[in-house]
Amino acid sequence: MSDLTGSFRMVSEDEQAMRAKLEHLTVKDHGPVFGPCHKLPGHTVQKAKDELNETEERRASSLKDLRVMMKERAAEGDDLAKLVLDRFGDKPTL
């Protein structure tokens, strides 16, 4: 067996605790998928970090890109994009 090398990052105690909590969660623990969510639950944010390598900067950038794409599609006549823009406009803001 060969020795593997790699880089590791330091993980805070809060993140370690959240990961331990994630191991015990089930689908029912995540709550409703639809409806208003003013603040994402901590375990959802941690899951996004772990599975998607999401950061605040990436989330803001992706949201901006999504808004531009929806405006372009609405301008092209896409009915669904028009409905989304009518409903949400520039919300949610970060």
PDB file of N, CA and C in Angstrom:
ATOM      1  N   MET A   1       0.842  -1.171   0.000  1.00  0.00           N
ATOM      2  CA  MET A   1       0.000   0.000   0.000  1.00  0.00           C
ATOM      3  C   MET A   1       0.890   1.237   0.000  1.00  0.00           C
ATOM      4  N   SER A   2       0.562   2.215  -0.812  1.00  0.00           N
ATOM      5  CA  SER A   2       1.392   3.411  -0.889  1.00  0.00           C
ATOM      6  C   SER A   2       0.887   4.467   0.084  1.00  0.00           C
ATOM      7  N   ASP A   3       1.790   5.304   0.477  1.00  0.00           N
ATOM      8  CA  ASP A   3       1.426   6.409   1.357  1.00  0.00           C
ATOM      9  C   ASP A   3       0.755   7.491   0.530  1.00  0.00           C
ATOM     10  N   LEU A   4      -0.360   7.997   1.013  1.00  0.00           N
ATOM     11  CA  LEU A   4      -1.064   9.069   0.329  1.00  0.00           C
ATOM     12  C   LEU A   4      -0.755  10.378   1.011  1.00  0.00           C
ATOM     13  N   THR A   5      -0.577  11.398   0.215  1.00  0.00           N
ATOM     14  CA  THR A   5      -0.348  12.723   0.780  1.00  0.00           C
ATOM     15  C   THR A   5      -1.485  13.618   0.334  1.00  0.00           C
ATOM     16  N   GLY A   6      -1.732  14.634   1.088  1.00  0.00           N
ATOM     17  CA  GLY A   6      -2.803  15.559   0.745  1.00  0.00           C
ATOM     18  C   GLY A   6      -2.761  16.755   1.667  1.00  0.00           C
ATOM     19  N   SER A   7      -3.653  17.640   1.431  1.00  0.00           N
ATOM     20  CA  SER A   7      -3.729  18.815   2.299  1.00  0.00           C
ATOM     21  C   SER A   7      -5.009  18.717   3.123  1.00  0.00           C
ATOM     22  N   PHE A   8      -4.912  19.138   4.327  1.00  0.00           N
ATOM     23  CA  PHE A   8      -6.037  19.099   5.240  1.00  0.00           C
ATOM     24  C   PHE A   8      -6.239  20.486   5.816  1.00  0.00           C
ATOM     25  N   ARG A   9      -7.493  20.829   6.065  1.00  0.00           N
ATOM     26  CA  ARG A   9      -7.752  22.126   6.680  1.00  0.00           C
ATOM     27  C   ARG A   9      -8.177  21.918   8.119  1.00  0.00           C
ATOM     28  N   MET A  10      -7.907  22.903   8.926  1.00  0.00           N
ATOM     29  CA  MET A  10      -8.313  22.849  10.326  1.00  0.00           C
ATOM     30  C   MET A  10      -9.835  23.031  10.383  1.00  0.00           C
ATOM     31  N   VAL A  11     -10.483  22.260  11.221  1.00  0.00           N
ATOM     32  CA  VAL A  11     -11.934  22.324  11.370  1.00  0.00           C
ATOM     33  C   VAL A  11     -12.235  22.823  12.776  1.00  0.00           C
ATOM     34  N   SER A  12     -13.089  23.851  12.854  1.00  0.00           N
ATOM     35  CA  SER A  12     -13.420  24.428  14.157  1.00  0.00           C
ATOM     36  C   SER A  12     -14.238  23.441  14.983  1.00  0.00           C
ATOM     37  N   GLU A  13     -14.294  23.681  16.279  1.00  0.00           N
ATOM     38  CA  GLU A  13     -15.076  22.822  17.167  1.00  0.00           C
ATOM     39  C   GLU A  13     -16.559  22.882  16.818  1.00  0.00           C
ATOM     40  N   ASP A  14     -17.034  24.078  16.418  1.00  0.00           N
ATOM     41  CA  ASP A  14     -18.440  24.216  16.020  1.00  0.00           C
ATOM     42  C   ASP A  14     -18.748  23.353  14.804  1.00  0.00           C
ATOM     43  N   GLU A  15     -17.842  23.361  13.822  1.00  0.00           N
ATOM     44  CA  GLU A  15     -18.055  22.565  12.618  1.00  0.00           C
ATOM     45  C   GLU A  15     -17.984  21.073  12.931  1.00  0.00           C
ATOM     46  N   GLN A  16     -17.089  20.686  13.828  1.00  0.00           N
ATOM     47  CA  GLN A  16     -17.005  19.277  14.237  1.00  0.00           C
ATOM     48  C   GLN A  16     -18.308  18.835  14.906  1.00  0.00           C
ATOM     49  N   ALA A  17     -18.849  19.697  15.768  1.00  0.00           N
ATOM     50  CA  ALA A  17     -20.103  19.378  16.457  1.00  0.00           C
ATOM     51  C   ALA A  17     -21.251  19.272  15.455  1.00  0.00           C
ATOM     52  N   MET A  18     -21.270  20.168  14.468  1.00  0.00           N
ATOM     53  CA  MET A  18     -22.333  20.143  13.466  1.00  0.00           C
ATOM     54  C   MET A  18     -22.232  18.878  12.616  1.00  0.00           C
ATOM     55  N   ARG A  19     -21.029  18.469  12.269  1.00  0.00           N
ATOM     56  CA  ARG A  19     -20.854  17.234  11.495  1.00  0.00           C
ATOM     57  C   ARG A  19     -21.309  16.017  12.293  1.00  0.00           C
ATOM     58  N   ALA A  20     -21.018  16.008  13.588  1.00  0.00           N
ATOM     59  CA  ALA A  20     -21.468  14.897  14.428  1.00  0.00           C
ATOM     60  C   ALA A  20     -22.999  14.863  14.466  1.00  0.00           C
ATOM     61  N   LYS A  21     -23.612  16.037  14.523  1.00  0.00           N
ATOM     62  CA  LYS A  21     -25.075  16.118  14.531  1.00  0.00           C
ATOM     63  C   LYS A  21     -25.636  15.639  13.191  1.00  0.00           C
ATOM     64  N   LEU A  22     -24.978  15.980  12.090  1.00  0.00           N
ATOM     65  CA  LEU A  22     -25.442  15.584  10.759  1.00  0.00           C
ATOM     66  C   LEU A  22     -25.494  14.070  10.596  1.00  0.00           C
ATOM     67  N   GLU A  23     -24.590  13.371  11.249  1.00  0.00           N
ATOM     68  CA  GLU A  23     -24.542  11.916  11.113  1.00  0.00           C
ATOM     69  C   GLU A  23     -25.810  11.252  11.651  1.00  0.00           C
ATOM     70  N   HIS A  24     -26.496  11.920  12.569  1.00  0.00           N
ATOM     71  CA  HIS A  24     -27.668  11.331  13.212  1.00  0.00           C
ATOM     72  C   HIS A  24     -28.988  11.844  12.644  1.00  0.00           C
ATOM     73  N   LEU A  25     -28.932  12.814  11.723  1.00  0.00           N
ATOM     74  CA  LEU A  25     -30.165  13.383  11.177  1.00  0.00           C
ATOM     75  C   LEU A  25     -30.782  12.481  10.121  1.00  0.00           C
ATOM     76  N   THR A  26     -32.101  12.546  10.043  1.00  0.00           N
ATOM     77  CA  THR A  26     -32.822  11.837   8.993  1.00  0.00           C
ATOM     78  C   THR A  26     -33.512  12.872   8.111  1.00  0.00           C
ATOM     79  N   VAL A  27     -34.176  12.430   7.075  1.00  0.00           N
ATOM     80  CA  VAL A  27     -34.885  13.338   6.172  1.00  0.00           C
ATOM     81  C   VAL A  27     -35.932  14.144   6.931  1.00  0.00           C
ATOM     82  N   LYS A  28     -36.585  13.534   7.896  1.00  0.00           N
ATOM     83  CA  LYS A  28     -37.634  14.218   8.652  1.00  0.00           C
ATOM     84  C   LYS A  28     -37.087  15.356   9.515  1.00  0.00           C
ATOM     85  N   ASP A  29     -35.796  15.316   9.844  1.00  0.00           N
ATOM     86  CA  ASP A  29     -35.204  16.357  10.680  1.00  0.00           C
ATOM     87  C   ASP A  29     -34.985  17.666   9.935  1.00  0.00           C
ATOM     88  N   HIS A  30     -35.067  17.640   8.611  1.00  0.00           N
ATOM     89  CA  HIS A  30     -34.772  18.842   7.836  1.00  0.00           C
ATOM     90  C   HIS A  30     -35.952  19.782   7.727  1.00  0.00           C
ATOM     91  N   GLY A  31     -37.145  19.347   8.082  1.00  0.00           N
ATOM     92  CA  GLY A  31     -38.306  20.217   8.063  1.00  0.00           C
ATOM     93  C   GLY A  31     -38.860  20.405   6.668  1.00  0.00           C
ATOM     94  N   PRO A  32     -39.781  21.355   6.523  1.00  0.00           N
ATOM     95  CA  PRO A  32     -40.436  21.547   5.235  1.00  0.00           C
ATOM     96  C   PRO A  32     -39.464  22.056   4.176  1.00  0.00           C
ATOM     97  N   VAL A  33     -39.675  21.603   2.959  1.00  0.00           N
ATOM     98  CA  VAL A  33     -38.810  22.011   1.864  1.00  0.00           C
ATOM     99  C   VAL A  33     -39.309  23.316   1.262  1.00  0.00           C
ATOM    100  N   PHE A  34     -40.629  23.512   1.227  1.00  0.00           N
ATOM    101  CA  PHE A  34     -41.210  24.690   0.609  1.00  0.00           C
ATOM    102  C   PHE A  34     -41.689  25.654   1.676  1.00  0.00           C
ATOM    103  N   GLY A  35     -41.811  26.909   1.303  1.00  0.00           N
ATOM    104  CA  GLY A  35     -42.305  27.925   2.218  1.00  0.00           C
ATOM    105  C   GLY A  35     -41.196  28.865   2.629  1.00  0.00           C
ATOM    106  N   PRO A  36     -41.555  29.879   3.364  1.00  0.00           N
ATOM    107  CA  PRO A  36     -40.552  30.878   3.745  1.00  0.00           C
ATOM    108  C   PRO A  36     -39.503  30.297   4.691  1.00  0.00           C
ATOM    109  N   CYS A  37     -38.295  30.679   4.449  1.00  0.00           N
ATOM    110  CA  CYS A  37     -37.183  30.261   5.296  1.00  0.00           C
ATOM    111  C   CYS A  37     -36.264  31.466   5.436  1.00  0.00           C
ATOM    112  N   HIS A  38     -36.414  32.192   6.521  1.00  0.00           N
ATOM    113  CA  HIS A  38     -35.662  33.424   6.697  1.00  0.00           C
ATOM    114  C   HIS A  38     -34.202  33.171   7.033  1.00  0.00           C
ATOM    115  N   LYS A  39     -33.937  32.041   7.653  1.00  0.00           N
ATOM    116  CA  LYS A  39     -32.556  31.678   7.978  1.00  0.00           C
ATOM    117  C   LYS A  39     -32.435  30.169   7.840  1.00  0.00           C
ATOM    118  N   LEU A  40     -31.425  29.749   7.088  1.00  0.00           N
ATOM    119  CA  LEU A  40     -31.223  28.316   6.899  1.00  0.00           C
ATOM    120  C   LEU A  40     -30.776  27.669   8.203  1.00  0.00           C
ATOM    121  N   PRO A  41     -31.277  26.464   8.497  1.00  0.00           N
ATOM    122  CA  PRO A  41     -30.817  25.757   9.698  1.00  0.00           C
ATOM    123  C   PRO A  41     -29.321  25.452   9.592  1.00  0.00           C
ATOM    124  N   GLY A  42     -28.667  25.405  10.724  1.00  0.00           N
ATOM    125  CA  GLY A  42     -27.222  25.173  10.756  1.00  0.00           C
ATOM    126  C   GLY A  42     -26.804  23.895  10.073  1.00  0.00           C
ATOM    127  N   HIS A  43     -27.580  22.825  10.264  1.00  0.00           N
ATOM    128  CA  HIS A  43     -27.191  21.552   9.656  1.00  0.00           C
ATOM    129  C   HIS A  43     -27.323  21.597   8.141  1.00  0.00           C
ATOM    130  N   THR A  44     -28.233  22.424   7.613  1.00  0.00           N
ATOM    131  CA  THR A  44     -28.370  22.559   6.166  1.00  0.00           C
ATOM    132  C   THR A  44     -27.178  23.317   5.590  1.00  0.00           C
ATOM    133  N   VAL A  45     -26.753  24.353   6.289  1.00  0.00           N
ATOM    134  CA  VAL A  45     -25.580  25.114   5.855  1.00  0.00           C
ATOM    135  C   VAL A  45     -24.339  24.218   5.870  1.00  0.00           C
ATOM    136  N   GLN A  46     -24.200  23.415   6.915  1.00  0.00           N
ATOM    137  CA  GLN A  46     -23.034  22.528   7.014  1.00  0.00           C
ATOM    138  C   GLN A  46     -23.062  21.488   5.900  1.00  0.00           C
ATOM    139  N   LYS A  47     -24.228  20.960   5.595  1.00  0.00           N
ATOM    140  CA  LYS A  47     -24.349  19.969   4.524  1.00  0.00           C
ATOM    141  C   LYS A  47     -23.956  20.591   3.182  1.00  0.00           C
ATOM    142  N   ALA A  48     -24.359  21.830   2.957  1.00  0.00           N
ATOM    143  CA  ALA A  48     -23.982  22.532   1.725  1.00  0.00           C
ATOM    144  C   ALA A  48     -22.470  22.735   1.661  1.00  0.00           C
ATOM    145  N   LYS A  49     -21.866  23.070   2.798  1.00  0.00           N
ATOM    146  CA  LYS A  49     -20.408  23.220   2.832  1.00  0.00           C
ATOM    147  C   LYS A  49     -19.716  21.913   2.493  1.00  0.00           C
ATOM    148  N   ASP A  50     -20.197  20.827   3.082  1.00  0.00           N
ATOM    149  CA  ASP A  50     -19.555  19.525   2.894  1.00  0.00           C
ATOM    150  C   ASP A  50     -19.770  18.959   1.496  1.00  0.00           C
ATOM    151  N   GLU A  51     -21.001  19.011   1.008  1.00  0.00           N
ATOM    152  CA  GLU A  51     -21.324  18.342  -0.251  1.00  0.00           C
ATOM    153  C   GLU A  51     -21.106  19.213  -1.480  1.00  0.00           C
ATOM    154  N   LEU A  52     -21.273  20.510  -1.338  1.00  0.00           N
ATOM    155  CA  LEU A  52     -21.184  21.403  -2.494  1.00  0.00           C
ATOM    156  C   LEU A  52     -19.997  22.357  -2.434  1.00  0.00           C
ATOM    157  N   ASN A  53     -19.222  22.271  -1.359  1.00  0.00           N
ATOM    158  CA  ASN A  53     -18.121  23.218  -1.132  1.00  0.00           C
ATOM    159  C   ASN A  53     -18.637  24.652  -1.194  1.00  0.00           C
ATOM    160  N   GLU A  54     -19.828  24.870  -0.648  1.00  0.00           N
ATOM    161  CA  GLU A  54     -20.460  26.180  -0.704  1.00  0.00           C
ATOM    162  C   GLU A  54     -19.859  27.120   0.330  1.00  0.00           C
ATOM    163  N   THR A  55     -19.697  28.365  -0.077  1.00  0.00           N
ATOM    164  CA  THR A  55     -19.270  29.433   0.818  1.00  0.00           C
ATOM    165  C   THR A  55     -20.248  30.592   0.643  1.00  0.00           C
ATOM    166  N   GLU A  56     -20.170  31.575   1.509  1.00  0.00           N
ATOM    167  CA  GLU A  56     -21.037  32.749   1.387  1.00  0.00           C
ATOM    168  C   GLU A  56     -20.798  33.447   0.040  1.00  0.00           C
ATOM    169  N   GLU A  57     -19.530  33.534  -0.365  1.00  0.00           N
ATOM    170  CA  GLU A  57     -19.196  34.188  -1.623  1.00  0.00           C
ATOM    171  C   GLU A  57     -19.773  33.424  -2.814  1.00  0.00           C
ATOM    172  N   ARG A  58     -19.640  32.097  -2.781  1.00  0.00           N
ATOM    173  CA  ARG A  58     -20.181  31.280  -3.876  1.00  0.00           C
ATOM    174  C   ARG A  58     -21.695  31.374  -3.927  1.00  0.00           C
ATOM    175  N   ARG A  59     -22.333  31.394  -2.769  1.00  0.00           N
ATOM    176  CA  ARG A  59     -23.790  31.474  -2.732  1.00  0.00           C
ATOM    177  C   ARG A  59     -24.254  32.801  -3.332  1.00  0.00           C
ATOM    178  N   ALA A  60     -23.600  33.900  -2.952  1.00  0.00           N
ATOM    179  CA  ALA A  60     -23.968  35.217  -3.486  1.00  0.00           C
ATOM    180  C   ALA A  60     -23.732  35.272  -4.989  1.00  0.00           C
ATOM    181  N   SER A  61     -22.615  34.726  -5.438  1.00  0.00           N
ATOM    182  CA  SER A  61     -22.291  34.717  -6.866  1.00  0.00           C
ATOM    183  C   SER A  61     -23.300  33.879  -7.644  1.00  0.00           C
ATOM    184  N   SER A  62     -23.653  32.718  -7.131  1.00  0.00           N
ATOM    185  CA  SER A  62     -24.611  31.839  -7.807  1.00  0.00           C
ATOM    186  C   SER A  62     -25.993  32.476  -7.870  1.00  0.00           C
ATOM    187  N   LEU A  63     -26.385  33.149  -6.805  1.00  0.00           N
ATOM    188  CA  LEU A  63     -27.682  33.825  -6.785  1.00  0.00           C
ATOM    189  C   LEU A  63     -27.717  34.945  -7.819  1.00  0.00           C
ATOM    190  N   LYS A  64     -26.628  35.692  -7.922  1.00  0.00           N
ATOM    191  CA  LYS A  64     -26.539  36.763  -8.916  1.00  0.00           C
ATOM    192  C   LYS A  64     -26.623  36.181 -10.329  1.00  0.00           C
ATOM    193  N   ASP A  65     -25.895  35.083 -10.585  1.00  0.00           N
ATOM    194  CA  ASP A  65     -25.929  34.431 -11.898  1.00  0.00           C
ATOM    195  C   ASP A  65     -27.326  33.918 -12.225  1.00  0.00           C
ATOM    196  N   LEU A  66     -28.004  33.350 -11.231  1.00  0.00           N
ATOM    197  CA  LEU A  66     -29.361  32.836 -11.431  1.00  0.00           C
ATOM    198  C   LEU A  66     -30.323  33.960 -11.795  1.00  0.00           C
ATOM    199  N   ARG A  67     -30.197  35.102 -11.117  1.00  0.00           N
ATOM    200  CA  ARG A  67     -31.069  36.243 -11.418  1.00  0.00           C
ATOM    201  C   ARG A  67     -30.856  36.737 -12.847  1.00  0.00           C
ATOM    202  N   VAL A  68     -29.587  36.819 -13.269  1.00  0.00           N
ATOM    203  CA  VAL A  68     -29.279  37.253 -14.635  1.00  0.00           C
ATOM    204  C   VAL A  68     -29.887  36.274 -15.640  1.00  0.00           C
ATOM    205  N   MET A  69     -29.725  34.976 -15.376  1.00  0.00           N
ATOM    206  CA  MET A  69     -30.262  33.964 -16.276  1.00  0.00           C
ATOM    207  C   MET A  69     -31.787  34.059 -16.370  1.00  0.00           C
ATOM    208  N   MET A  70     -32.466  34.255 -15.233  1.00  0.00           N
ATOM    209  CA  MET A  70     -33.926  34.340 -15.239  1.00  0.00           C
ATOM    210  C   MET A  70     -34.397  35.594 -15.990  1.00  0.00           C
ATOM    211  N   LYS A  71     -33.678  36.700 -15.848  1.00  0.00           N
ATOM    212  CA  LYS A  71     -34.041  37.919 -16.577  1.00  0.00           C
ATOM    213  C   LYS A  71     -33.868  37.720 -18.077  1.00  0.00           C
ATOM    214  N   GLU A  72     -32.786  37.040 -18.470  1.00  0.00           N
ATOM    215  CA  GLU A  72     -32.558  36.765 -19.895  1.00  0.00           C
ATOM    216  C   GLU A  72     -33.658  35.881 -20.465  1.00  0.00           C
ATOM    217  N   ARG A  73     -34.009  34.836 -19.722  1.00  0.00           N
ATOM    218  CA  ARG A  73     -35.062  33.924 -20.200  1.00  0.00           C
ATOM    219  C   ARG A  73     -36.416  34.622 -20.265  1.00  0.00           C
ATOM    220  N   ALA A  74     -36.692  35.486 -19.297  1.00  0.00           N
ATOM    221  CA  ALA A  74     -37.954  36.229 -19.316  1.00  0.00           C
ATOM    222  C   ALA A  74     -37.994  37.164 -20.515  1.00  0.00           C
ATOM    223  N   ALA A  75     -36.855  37.772 -20.839  1.00  0.00           N
ATOM    224  CA  ALA A  75     -36.787  38.662 -21.995  1.00  0.00           C
ATOM    225  C   ALA A  75     -36.994  37.890 -23.301  1.00  0.00           C
ATOM    226  N   GLU A  76     -36.609  36.614 -23.303  1.00  0.00           N
ATOM    227  CA  GLU A  76     -36.783  35.770 -24.489  1.00  0.00           C
ATOM    228  C   GLU A  76     -38.221  35.257 -24.611  1.00  0.00           C
ATOM    229  N   GLY A  77     -39.037  35.483 -23.572  1.00  0.00           N
ATOM    230  CA  GLY A  77     -40.434  35.081 -23.631  1.00  0.00           C
ATOM    231  C   GLY A  77     -40.775  33.825 -22.850  1.00  0.00           C
ATOM    232  N   ASP A  78     -39.866  33.320 -22.040  1.00  0.00           N
ATOM    233  CA  ASP A  78     -40.134  32.126 -21.236  1.00  0.00           C
ATOM    234  C   ASP A  78     -41.168  32.458 -20.163  1.00  0.00           C
ATOM    235  N   ASP A  79     -42.330  31.802 -20.231  1.00  0.00           N
ATOM    236  CA  ASP A  79     -43.425  32.090 -19.299  1.00  0.00           C
ATOM    237  C   ASP A  79     -43.064  31.779 -17.852  1.00  0.00           C
ATOM    238  N   LEU A  80     -42.376  30.673 -17.623  1.00  0.00           N
ATOM    239  CA  LEU A  80     -41.992  30.302 -16.260  1.00  0.00           C
ATOM    240  C   LEU A  80     -41.029  31.338 -15.672  1.00  0.00           C
ATOM    241  N   ALA A  81     -40.080  31.782 -16.476  1.00  0.00           N
ATOM    242  CA  ALA A  81     -39.131  32.795 -16.000  1.00  0.00           C
ATOM    243  C   ALA A  81     -39.853  34.087 -15.655  1.00  0.00           C
ATOM    244  N   LYS A  82     -40.859  34.449 -16.462  1.00  0.00           N
ATOM    245  CA  LYS A  82     -41.643  35.653 -16.172  1.00  0.00           C
ATOM    246  C   LYS A  82     -42.381  35.514 -14.844  1.00  0.00           C
ATOM    247  N   LEU A  83     -42.961  34.343 -14.602  1.00  0.00           N
ATOM    248  CA  LEU A  83     -43.667  34.108 -13.338  1.00  0.00           C
ATOM    249  C   LEU A  83     -42.716  34.196 -12.143  1.00  0.00           C
ATOM    250  N   VAL A  84     -41.534  33.618 -12.306  1.00  0.00           N
ATOM    251  CA  VAL A  84     -40.546  33.657 -11.219  1.00  0.00           C
ATOM    252  C   VAL A  84     -40.151  35.097 -10.926  1.00  0.00           C
ATOM    253  N   LEU A  85     -39.889  35.885 -11.966  1.00  0.00           N
ATOM    254  CA  LEU A  85     -39.522  37.292 -11.764  1.00  0.00           C
ATOM    255  C   LEU A  85     -40.664  38.091 -11.145  1.00  0.00           C
ATOM    256  N   ASP A  86     -41.898  37.814 -11.594  1.00  0.00           N
ATOM    257  CA  ASP A  86     -43.053  38.513 -11.007  1.00  0.00           C
ATOM    258  C   ASP A  86     -43.195  38.184  -9.529  1.00  0.00           C
ATOM    259  N   ARG A  87     -42.967  36.945  -9.193  1.00  0.00           N
ATOM    260  CA  ARG A  87     -43.148  36.484  -7.797  1.00  0.00           C
ATOM    261  C   ARG A  87     -42.015  36.950  -6.882  1.00  0.00           C
ATOM    262  N   PHE A  88     -40.770  36.813  -7.354  1.00  0.00           N
ATOM    263  CA  PHE A  88     -39.629  37.038  -6.472  1.00  0.00           C
ATOM    264  C   PHE A  88     -38.875  38.326  -6.751  1.00  0.00           C
ATOM    265  N   GLY A  89     -38.869  38.802  -7.965  1.00  0.00           N
ATOM    266  CA  GLY A  89     -38.123  40.019  -8.270  1.00  0.00           C
ATOM    267  C   GLY A  89     -36.660  39.863  -7.914  1.00  0.00           C
ATOM    268  N   ASP A  90     -36.169  40.746  -7.075  1.00  0.00           N
ATOM    269  CA  ASP A  90     -34.766  40.678  -6.631  1.00  0.00           C
ATOM    270  C   ASP A  90     -34.623  40.025  -5.266  1.00  0.00           C
ATOM    271  N   LYS A  91     -35.656  39.346  -4.802  1.00  0.00           N
ATOM    272  CA  LYS A  91     -35.585  38.637  -3.520  1.00  0.00           C
ATOM    273  C   LYS A  91     -35.132  37.219  -3.771  1.00  0.00           C
ATOM    274  N   PRO A  92     -34.599  36.503  -2.900  1.00  0.00           N
ATOM    275  CA  PRO A  92     -34.136  36.956  -1.593  1.00  0.00           C
ATOM    276  C   PRO A  92     -32.789  37.652  -1.709  1.00  0.00           C
ATOM    277  N   THR A  93     -32.543  38.562  -0.832  1.00  0.00           N
ATOM    278  CA  THR A  93     -31.245  39.231  -0.812  1.00  0.00           C
ATOM    279  C   THR A  93     -30.411  38.590   0.284  1.00  0.00           C
ATOM    280  N   LEU A  94     -29.134  38.619   0.072  1.00  0.00           N
ATOM    281  CA  LEU A  94     -28.224  38.045   1.067  1.00  0.00           C
ATOM    282  C   LEU A  94     -27.742  39.098   2.018  1.00  0.00           C
TER     283      LEU A  94
END
